C-alpha cells in the first residue's frame, strides 16, 4: 500500500499536520448500492496548495521523525477492537446523529462505538462496539465501506483532534488526519474530504489526501459546513468571517461569494443536492431563508414560529419543492418552496412569480404597510409533533411526500404529509433503534 504525505502548512500555527495512507479500493458496505473509486476532480484549487516551509518540523511530528515522509508508515496506537454487539445491557449514550448524502441511511455515534441503519425499510446494518470508546462524529460516504470517525464522549475511542478513516470491510482504520485542535465535523464527497475545526476548514483530495484549500471562518463550534454532491460541480458553504455571514465557494469557477444571511449567528445551513440552493437559519430560530448560491439572491423566506428556538436540522426534498425543519420546540415543519429552478442544472434559480390576486380596495391598501412583517410570513404546510426539548434531525424519505425523523432519544419516525390539505402528518412507523439489533 502506498503511503503519501499531506503537504506541510506554510503557517506554523496551522492546525493540519499529518501523513496518511491512501485507502485502497475495497468492496462496498451494502449490497443495495456500489460506489466507484474516487477520482481526482479538475475543480481542485492547486493555486491555494500550501508550499513546504523552510523551518524544521516540530518535535514529535511524523516528518521530524522521518525526513522522508513518503516512505513513512502511519504511527498510531492500534484502535480498540470492534465487537459486533455492546457488552453492557444498558444502552449506550448517543453522541451523534447524521444522514448519509442521499438520506437513505443514518449513522449514530455512541459512547461505545457507532451504528448504521437503513431508513426504508428500517433495519440495522452495522453495530461496532469499541469496548467503551466513544465516537462523536460518524460521516458516511453514501453506502460504501469507508467512513470518517472522530472520537468523543467520556472515554473517546480516538483522539478528538484526529479524523480516522475507517474501512468497515476490514473493520479497522486505514489512515488518519491529525490537527492541533478539536475536530468539529467532517464532510465527505467521492472526491473530497472536508474537515471542520472551530475557525478553520481544510479541503483534501480523497484520491491522494492532498490539501487543496484552507478556509478561515468565524467561530464555528457546531462544525457547520455543507458541500454539493453532484459530480463535476463542487460547491461548499460555511459560515463567513462575520456574524450572520455565509461563505459560498464555487471551486469550478474559482469564485467566492459572501451573503449576509442573518443579523444573528448562523445556527444551521444546508445545500440542495445540486448545490444551487442554500437554506440558512440563525440562532434566533424564527426564520429560514433560501438563497441562490449562484449570486446570493434571497429567493424565499419562511417562518418556523414567533418564539426563539434552536434549529437542529433543515432538509431539501429531492425535487426541491419542499423544505423540512426541526427544532427544540418539538415540531417538524414542512414548507412549500416557491422557486423556479429552470429547466437545466445550469439555470439560475429565481423566485416563482406571485399568484395574481384581485386588486385591494384603495381604502384598505394602507393596511399592507401598517401590519408587521409577521402577518405576511409564509408558514408551514404540514407539521409533525414530537417531544419538546429532545434533539431530532429530519430528511425526506424515498416514498412520495414522506419524512424521516431520527432523535437523540433513540426514536425513528417515518410519516407522510398531504401536499394539498397539509396539517398534521400521518405517522407510518415508529421504532426505538437503541433496542434494535444491528
Protein backbone atom coordinates (compact mmCIF):
# COMPACT_ATOMS: atom_id res chain seq x y z
CA UNK A 1 0.00 0.00 0.00
CA UNK A 2 1.37 3.38 -0.98
CA UNK A 3 1.84 5.98 1.71
CA UNK A 4 1.63 9.71 0.96
CA UNK A 5 2.17 12.87 2.99
CA UNK A 6 -0.09 15.87 3.22
CA UNK A 7 1.96 18.94 2.26
CA UNK A 8 3.09 20.92 5.33
CA UNK A 9 1.30 24.16 6.03
CA UNK A 10 3.43 27.28 5.48
CA UNK A 11 1.71 28.81 8.51
CA UNK A 12 3.43 27.45 11.67
CA UNK A 13 0.20 27.93 13.61
CA UNK A 14 -1.77 25.78 11.19
CA UNK A 15 -3.99 23.07 12.64
CA UNK A 16 -3.22 20.48 9.97
CA UNK A 17 -0.13 18.26 10.22
CA UNK A 18 -0.33 14.61 9.25
CA UNK A 19 0.75 11.87 6.87
CA UNK A 20 -1.95 9.48 5.76
CA UNK A 21 -2.18 6.21 3.90
CA UNK A 22 -4.13 6.25 0.70
CA UNK A 23 -7.16 3.96 1.04
CA UNK A 24 -7.23 1.05 -1.38
CA UNK A 25 -10.45 0.18 -3.17
CA UNK A 26 -12.48 -2.34 -1.16
CA UNK A 27 -15.90 -3.97 -1.58
CA UNK A 28 -18.98 -1.84 -0.88
CA UNK A 29 -20.53 -1.68 2.56
CA UNK A 30 -24.08 -2.51 1.48
CA UNK A 31 -25.49 -4.72 -1.19
CA UNK A 32 -28.06 -2.11 -2.30
CA UNK A 33 -25.54 0.21 -3.99
CA UNK A 34 -21.93 0.26 -5.13
CA UNK A 35 -19.74 3.32 -5.08
CA UNK A 36 -16.94 3.86 -7.56
CA UNK A 37 -13.41 4.70 -6.51
CA UNK A 38 -12.93 8.48 -6.05
CA UNK A 39 -11.23 10.21 -8.94
CA UNK A 40 -9.32 13.49 -8.94
CA UNK A 41 -11.56 16.45 -9.68
CA UNK A 42 -10.35 19.06 -12.16
CA UNK A 43 -12.05 21.67 -9.99
CA UNK A 44 -9.43 21.41 -7.22
CA UNK A 45 -7.54 24.57 -6.38
CA UNK A 46 -3.83 23.90 -6.77
CA UNK A 47 -3.21 27.60 -6.71
CA UNK A 48 -4.01 27.53 -3.00
CA UNK A 49 -1.96 24.43 -2.16
CA UNK A 50 0.48 25.04 0.71
CA UNK A 51 4.19 25.03 -0.02
CA UNK A 52 6.80 23.35 2.15
CA UNK A 53 8.19 25.56 4.94
CA UNK A 54 11.91 26.06 5.29
CA UNK A 55 11.88 25.64 9.07
CA UNK A 56 12.23 22.13 10.50
CA UNK A 57 9.12 20.22 11.54
CA UNK A 58 8.11 20.50 15.20
CA UNK A 59 9.48 17.80 17.54
CA UNK A 60 7.37 14.68 17.63
CA UNK A 61 5.73 15.29 14.26
CA UNK A 62 5.94 12.47 11.69
CA UNK A 63 8.12 14.50 9.35
CA UNK A 64 10.56 15.23 12.18
CA UNK A 65 10.90 11.55 12.98
CA UNK A 66 11.39 10.59 9.34
CA UNK A 67 12.93 13.06 6.89
CA UNK A 68 11.32 11.14 4.03
CA UNK A 69 7.58 11.27 4.77
CA UNK A 70 6.70 9.48 1.56
CA UNK A 71 8.25 6.28 2.92
CA UNK A 72 6.83 6.52 6.44
CA UNK A 73 4.06 4.31 7.75
CA UNK A 74 1.36 5.77 9.99
CA UNK A 75 2.42 5.75 13.63
CA UNK A 76 -0.69 5.47 15.72
CA UNK A 77 -1.73 3.38 18.66
CA UNK A 78 -3.89 0.49 17.43
CA UNK A 79 -7.60 1.34 17.79
CA UNK A 80 -9.82 -0.72 20.09
CA UNK A 81 -11.03 -3.92 18.50
CA UNK A 82 -14.68 -3.71 17.44
CA UNK A 83 -17.22 -6.22 18.64
CA UNK A 84 -20.48 -6.93 16.89
CA UNK A 85 -22.60 -6.04 19.91
CA UNK A 86 -22.36 -3.92 23.02
CA UNK A 87 -21.10 -5.79 26.04
CA UNK A 88 -23.36 -4.00 28.51
CA UNK A 89 -27.13 -4.49 28.53
CA UNK A 90 -27.52 -0.77 29.26
CA UNK A 91 -28.00 1.17 26.01
CA UNK A 92 -25.07 3.48 25.22
CA UNK A 93 -25.34 7.26 25.37
CA UNK A 94 -25.91 8.93 21.99
CA UNK A 95 -23.30 11.47 20.89
CA UNK A 96 -24.07 11.98 17.20
CA UNK A 97 -26.73 11.58 14.51
CA UNK A 98 -26.36 12.21 10.78
CA UNK A 99 -27.83 11.08 7.48
CA UNK A 100 -25.69 9.94 4.61
CA UNK A 101 -25.55 12.01 1.42
CA UNK A 102 -28.74 10.61 -0.18
CA UNK A 103 -30.67 10.29 3.12
CA UNK A 104 -31.08 6.55 2.60
CA UNK A 105 -29.15 5.70 5.80
CA UNK A 106 -28.35 7.34 9.09
CA UNK A 107 -25.30 6.93 11.34
CA UNK A 108 -25.25 7.00 15.14
CA UNK A 109 -22.20 7.80 17.27
CA UNK A 110 -22.38 6.49 20.82
CA UNK A 111 -20.33 6.31 24.00
CA UNK A 112 -19.26 2.79 22.98
CA UNK A 113 -18.86 2.96 19.18
CA UNK A 114 -21.09 3.59 16.19
CA UNK A 115 -24.07 2.12 14.33
CA UNK A 116 -25.58 2.50 10.86
CA UNK A 117 -29.24 1.98 9.95
CA UNK A 118 -31.17 1.81 6.71
CA UNK A 119 -34.17 4.16 6.57
CA UNK A 120 -36.59 2.36 4.22
CA UNK A 121 -37.07 -0.38 5.14
CA UNK A 122 -35.87 0.41 8.63
CA UNK A 123 -33.19 -2.07 9.70
CA UNK A 124 -29.80 -2.13 11.38
CA UNK A 125 -26.75 -2.57 9.16
CA UNK A 126 -23.67 -2.08 11.35
CA UNK A 127 -23.03 -2.12 15.08
CA UNK A 128 -19.39 -1.57 16.02
CA UNK A 129 -18.53 -1.60 19.71
CA UNK A 130 -15.13 -0.16 20.66
CA UNK A 131 -15.22 -1.61 24.19
CA UNK A 132 -16.30 1.61 25.84
CA UNK A 133 -14.63 4.03 23.40
CA UNK A 134 -16.95 6.82 22.24
CA UNK A 135 -17.43 8.28 18.74
CA UNK A 136 -18.81 11.82 18.38
CA UNK A 137 -18.67 12.11 14.56
CA UNK A 138 -19.64 9.43 12.03
CA UNK A 139 -19.64 10.58 8.41
CA UNK A 140 -20.72 8.07 5.78
CA UNK A 141 -19.76 8.15 2.11
CA UNK A 142 -23.09 7.22 0.54
CA UNK A 143 -23.17 3.41 1.11
CA UNK A 144 -19.54 2.47 0.62
CA UNK A 145 -17.29 0.82 3.19
CA UNK A 146 -15.31 3.98 4.05
CA UNK A 147 -16.43 6.22 6.93
CA UNK A 148 -14.83 9.12 8.78
CA UNK A 149 -14.81 8.83 12.58
CA UNK A 150 -13.86 11.23 15.37
CA UNK A 151 -13.62 10.09 18.98
CA UNK A 152 -15.72 11.68 21.71
CA UNK A 153 -17.58 11.16 24.97
CA UNK A 154 -16.11 10.47 28.43
CA UNK A 155 -13.64 7.91 27.02
CA UNK A 156 -13.05 8.67 23.31
CA UNK A 157 -12.24 5.74 21.04
CA UNK A 158 -9.81 8.01 19.15
CA UNK A 159 -8.20 11.40 19.87
CA UNK A 160 -10.67 14.23 19.32
CA UNK A 161 -8.17 16.10 17.16
CA UNK A 162 -7.96 13.27 14.61
CA UNK A 163 -10.16 12.13 11.74
CA UNK A 164 -9.90 8.36 11.42
CA UNK A 165 -10.63 6.81 8.03
CA UNK A 166 -12.45 3.58 8.89
CA UNK A 167 -12.75 0.71 6.41
CA UNK A 168 -15.68 -1.37 7.60
CA UNK A 169 -14.84 -4.17 5.18
CA UNK A 170 -11.54 -4.62 7.02
CA UNK A 171 -13.02 -3.42 10.35
CA UNK A 172 -10.02 -1.24 11.03
CA UNK A 173 -8.67 2.27 10.50
CA UNK A 174 -6.61 2.62 7.33
CA UNK A 175 -5.49 6.23 7.83
CA UNK A 176 -5.91 9.41 9.82
CA UNK A 177 -5.80 13.18 9.58
CA UNK A 178 -4.36 14.91 12.63
CA UNK A 179 -4.88 18.52 13.77
CA UNK A 180 -3.75 20.72 16.63
CA UNK A 181 -7.28 21.49 17.78
CA UNK A 182 -10.51 19.53 18.18
CA UNK A 183 -12.33 18.40 15.04
CA UNK A 184 -15.91 19.70 14.98
CA UNK A 185 -17.27 17.84 11.94
CA UNK A 186 -16.34 16.07 8.72
CA UNK A 187 -17.98 16.15 5.28
CA UNK A 188 -17.29 13.62 2.53
CA UNK A 189 -17.72 13.58 -1.23
CA UNK A 190 -16.50 10.90 -3.59
CA UNK A 191 -13.58 13.20 -4.42
CA UNK A 192 -13.11 15.33 -1.29
CA UNK A 193 -12.62 15.12 2.48
CA UNK A 194 -13.61 18.32 4.32
CA UNK A 195 -12.55 18.73 7.95
CA UNK A 196 -14.13 21.48 10.06
CA UNK A 197 -12.37 22.95 13.08
CA UNK A 198 -13.52 25.79 15.31
CA UNK A 199 -12.24 28.55 12.99
CA UNK A 200 -10.77 26.71 10.01
CA UNK A 201 -11.89 24.34 7.28
CA UNK A 202 -9.49 22.09 5.35
CA UNK A 203 -10.35 20.57 1.97
CA UNK A 204 -8.43 17.49 0.79
CA UNK A 205 -8.47 15.36 -2.33
CA UNK A 206 -9.88 11.95 -1.48
CA UNK A 207 -7.74 10.14 -4.03
CA UNK A 208 -4.37 11.21 -2.58
CA UNK A 209 -5.30 13.27 0.53
CA UNK A 210 -3.50 16.33 -0.76
CA UNK A 211 -4.56 19.60 0.87
CA UNK A 212 -6.14 21.78 -1.82
CA UNK A 213 -7.81 24.59 0.14
CA UNK A 214 -7.92 26.16 3.58
CA UNK A 215 -10.71 28.48 4.76
CA UNK A 216 -10.82 30.84 7.75
CA UNK A 217 -14.24 31.18 9.41
CA UNK A 218 -15.87 32.88 12.34
CA UNK A 219 -16.02 30.70 15.48
CA UNK A 220 -17.91 27.59 14.38
CA UNK A 221 -18.41 25.30 17.41
CA UNK A 222 -21.26 23.45 15.66
CA UNK A 223 -18.99 22.49 12.76
CA UNK A 224 -21.37 23.98 10.18
CA UNK A 225 -20.45 23.13 6.61
CA UNK A 226 -22.27 21.74 3.57
CA UNK A 227 -20.99 20.50 0.22
CA UNK A 228 -22.74 19.67 -3.05
CA UNK A 229 -22.80 16.01 -4.07
CA UNK A 230 -23.23 16.14 -7.85
CA UNK A 231 -20.05 15.14 -9.66
CA UNK A 232 -18.43 17.83 -11.77
CA UNK A 233 -19.70 20.74 -9.67
CA UNK A 234 -18.10 21.34 -6.29
CA UNK A 235 -19.79 23.98 -4.14
CA UNK A 236 -19.01 24.40 -0.45
CA UNK A 237 -20.97 26.54 2.01
CA UNK A 238 -19.83 27.50 5.51
CA UNK A 239 -20.01 30.43 7.96
CA UNK A 240 -18.12 33.51 6.80
CA UNK A 241 -15.82 35.71 8.83
CA UNK A 242 -18.61 37.83 10.33
CA UNK A 243 -21.65 37.10 12.48
CA UNK A 244 -24.58 36.04 10.29
CA UNK A 245 -22.47 35.76 7.15
CA UNK A 246 -22.43 32.76 4.82
CA UNK A 247 -19.49 31.96 2.55
CA UNK A 248 -20.01 30.12 -0.75
CA UNK A 249 -17.04 28.57 -2.57
CA UNK A 250 -17.52 27.80 -6.28
CA UNK A 251 -14.48 25.66 -6.99
CA UNK A 252 -15.19 25.17 -10.69
CA UNK A 253 -15.43 28.91 -11.32
CA UNK A 254 -12.74 29.69 -8.69
CA UNK A 255 -15.12 32.19 -7.19
CA UNK A 256 -16.09 33.10 -3.60
CA UNK A 257 -19.45 34.66 -2.71
CA UNK A 258 -20.45 36.13 0.68
CA UNK A 259 -24.06 36.57 1.85
CA UNK A 260 -25.21 38.48 4.91
CA UNK A 261 -27.94 35.97 5.66
CA UNK A 262 -28.95 36.95 9.21
CA UNK A 263 -28.33 39.52 11.92
CA UNK A 264 -27.61 36.76 14.45
CA UNK A 265 -25.04 33.95 14.22
CA UNK A 266 -25.70 31.12 11.79
CA UNK A 267 -27.16 28.10 13.59
CA UNK A 268 -27.90 25.76 10.68
CA UNK A 269 -27.27 25.60 6.93
CA UNK A 270 -27.88 23.04 4.21
CA UNK A 271 -27.24 22.77 0.47
CA UNK A 272 -29.51 21.21 -2.11
CA UNK A 273 -28.03 18.10 -3.73
CA UNK A 274 -27.00 20.04 -6.85
CA UNK A 275 -25.62 22.93 -4.81
CA UNK A 276 -27.85 25.59 -6.39
CA UNK A 277 -29.81 26.43 -3.22
CA UNK A 278 -28.68 27.06 0.34
CA UNK A 279 -31.06 27.33 3.30
CA UNK A 280 -29.93 29.05 6.49
CA UNK A 281 -31.27 29.65 9.98
CA UNK A 282 -29.87 31.83 12.75
CA UNK A 283 -29.59 31.34 16.49
CA UNK A 284 -32.87 33.24 16.82
CA UNK A 285 -34.56 30.33 15.05
CA UNK A 286 -37.72 32.05 13.82
CA UNK A 287 -36.96 32.33 10.08
CA UNK A 288 -35.36 30.12 7.46
CA UNK A 289 -34.04 31.82 4.34
CA UNK A 290 -33.32 30.22 0.98
CA UNK A 291 -30.68 31.77 -1.26
CA UNK A 292 -29.31 31.11 -4.72
CA UNK A 293 -25.67 30.05 -4.49
CA UNK A 294 -25.05 31.50 -7.96
CA UNK A 295 -25.45 35.14 -6.99
CA UNK A 296 -26.64 35.18 -3.36
CA UNK A 297 -30.18 36.28 -4.23
CA UNK A 298 -32.74 35.77 -1.46
CA UNK A 299 -35.34 33.54 -3.12
CA UNK A 300 -37.72 32.84 -0.24
CA UNK A 301 -38.19 33.31 3.48
CA UNK A 302 -40.32 31.00 5.63
CA UNK A 303 -41.32 31.33 9.28
CA UNK A 304 -40.97 28.48 11.76
CA UNK A 305 -42.63 30.46 14.56
CA UNK A 306 -42.58 33.64 16.61
CA UNK A 307 -40.65 32.41 19.66
CA UNK A 308 -36.90 31.94 19.74
CA UNK A 309 -35.91 28.32 19.02
CA UNK A 310 -32.84 26.21 18.33
CA UNK A 311 -32.93 24.84 14.80
CA UNK A 312 -31.46 21.33 14.71
CA UNK A 313 -31.73 20.48 11.01
CA UNK A 314 -33.02 21.69 7.65
CA UNK A 315 -33.50 19.49 4.58
CA UNK A 316 -34.48 19.97 0.93
CA UNK A 317 -36.64 17.42 -0.85
CA UNK A 318 -35.06 15.76 -3.89
CA UNK A 319 -37.29 17.69 -6.29
CA UNK A 320 -36.63 20.95 -4.42
CA UNK A 321 -40.36 21.55 -3.91
CA UNK A 322 -40.33 21.17 -0.12
CA UNK A 323 -38.23 22.16 2.87
CA UNK A 324 -38.31 20.41 6.27
CA UNK A 325 -37.16 21.98 9.55
CA UNK A 326 -36.75 20.51 13.05
CA UNK A 327 -36.21 22.47 16.26
CA UNK A 328 -36.25 22.15 20.04
CA UNK A 329 -39.92 23.17 20.05
CA UNK A 330 -40.89 19.56 19.32
CA UNK A 331 -42.46 20.17 15.89
CA UNK A 332 -41.16 19.25 12.46
CA UNK A 333 -42.39 21.72 9.82
CA UNK A 334 -42.68 21.20 6.06
CA UNK A 335 -42.73 24.31 3.87
CA UNK A 336 -43.64 24.68 0.23
CA UNK A 337 -40.81 26.13 -1.88
CA UNK A 338 -41.87 28.70 -4.45
CA UNK A 339 -38.72 28.76 -6.53
CA UNK A 340 -38.34 28.45 -10.29
CA UNK A 341 -35.35 26.13 -10.74
CA UNK A 342 -35.33 26.40 -14.53
CA UNK A 343 -35.21 23.52 -16.99
CA UNK A 344 -31.48 22.65 -16.78
CA UNK A 345 -29.00 22.30 -13.89
CA UNK A 346 -27.15 25.36 -15.19
CA UNK A 347 -30.18 27.65 -14.97
CA UNK A 348 -30.14 30.27 -12.25
CA UNK A 349 -32.89 29.71 -9.62
CA UNK A 350 -35.41 32.54 -9.41
CA UNK A 351 -38.34 33.34 -7.13
CA UNK A 352 -41.57 31.94 -8.51
CA UNK A 353 -43.98 34.63 -9.74
CA UNK A 354 -46.58 35.70 -7.22
CA UNK A 355 -50.09 34.39 -7.98
CA UNK A 356 -52.41 37.03 -9.34
CA UNK A 357 -54.84 38.38 -6.76
CA UNK A 358 -57.73 40.82 -7.06
CA UNK A 359 -56.86 44.46 -6.59
CA UNK A 360 -57.05 45.61 -3.00
CA UNK A 361 -59.66 48.23 -2.28
CA UNK A 362 -57.86 51.61 -2.21
CA UNK A 363 -59.42 52.43 1.14
CA UNK A 364 -57.75 49.32 2.65
CA UNK A 365 -54.46 49.48 0.81
CA UNK A 366 -52.75 51.22 3.73
CA UNK A 367 -53.06 48.03 5.85
CA UNK A 368 -50.29 46.28 3.92
CA UNK A 369 -47.79 48.91 5.02
CA UNK A 370 -49.00 49.02 8.62
CA UNK A 371 -49.20 45.31 9.51
CA UNK A 372 -45.98 43.81 10.89
CA UNK A 373 -43.97 41.52 8.64
CA UNK A 374 -45.03 38.64 10.90
CA UNK A 375 -48.51 38.67 9.35
CA UNK A 376 -47.11 38.41 5.82
CA UNK A 377 -44.87 35.43 6.65
CA UNK A 378 -45.04 32.11 4.86
CA UNK A 379 -45.99 29.38 7.33
CA UNK A 380 -45.53 25.63 7.13
CA UNK A 381 -47.90 23.47 5.11
CA UNK A 382 -47.62 20.38 7.34
CA UNK A 383 -46.41 19.58 10.86
CA UNK A 384 -45.49 16.56 12.99
CA UNK A 385 -45.48 16.83 16.79
CA UNK A 386 -42.64 15.35 18.83
CA UNK A 387 -41.42 15.53 22.40
CA UNK A 388 -40.31 19.08 23.12
CA UNK A 389 -36.69 19.57 24.18
CA UNK A 390 -35.23 16.47 22.55
CA UNK A 391 -32.97 16.83 19.50
CA UNK A 392 -34.21 15.50 16.15
CA UNK A 393 -32.84 15.57 12.63
CA UNK A 394 -35.06 15.32 9.58
CA UNK A 395 -34.88 14.25 5.92
CA UNK A 396 -37.24 13.43 3.08
CA UNK A 397 -37.91 9.74 2.52
CA UNK A 398 -37.78 7.62 -0.62
CA UNK A 399 -41.56 7.39 -0.83
CA UNK A 400 -43.51 10.38 -2.13
CA UNK A 401 -44.34 13.05 0.46
CA UNK A 402 -42.69 11.17 3.32
CA UNK A 403 -40.46 12.48 6.10
CA UNK A 404 -37.88 10.55 8.14
CA UNK A 405 -37.15 11.81 11.67
CA UNK A 406 -34.36 10.49 13.90
CA UNK A 407 -33.97 11.57 17.54
CA UNK A 408 -31.20 11.65 20.12
CA UNK A 409 -33.63 9.74 22.36
CA UNK A 410 -33.29 6.73 20.02
CA UNK A 411 -36.55 7.32 18.18
CA UNK A 412 -37.11 6.76 14.46
CA UNK A 413 -40.27 8.03 12.75
CA UNK A 414 -41.48 7.83 9.18
CA UNK A 415 -44.51 9.93 8.41
CA UNK A 416 -46.41 11.28 5.41
CA UNK A 417 -47.88 14.68 4.63
CA UNK A 418 -50.68 15.66 2.27
CA UNK A 419 -49.42 18.46 0.00
CA UNK A 420 -52.98 19.54 -0.83
CA UNK A 421 -54.61 19.70 2.59
CA UNK A 422 -51.49 19.99 4.79
CA UNK A 423 -51.98 19.97 8.54
CA UNK A 424 -50.87 17.16 10.83
CA UNK A 425 -48.78 14.44 9.19
CA UNK A 426 -49.75 10.79 9.40
CA UNK A 427 -47.32 8.50 11.27
CA UNK A 428 -46.39 5.47 9.19
CA UNK A 429 -43.94 3.76 11.56
CA UNK A 430 -42.04 4.30 14.78
CA UNK A 431 -39.03 2.44 16.25
CA UNK A 432 -36.51 2.75 19.06
CA UNK A 433 -33.21 1.97 17.34
CA UNK A 434 -31.34 1.70 20.66
CA UNK A 435 -33.31 -1.50 21.25
CA UNK A 436 -32.73 -2.85 17.76
CA UNK A 437 -30.04 -5.38 16.98
CA UNK A 438 -27.86 -4.07 14.16
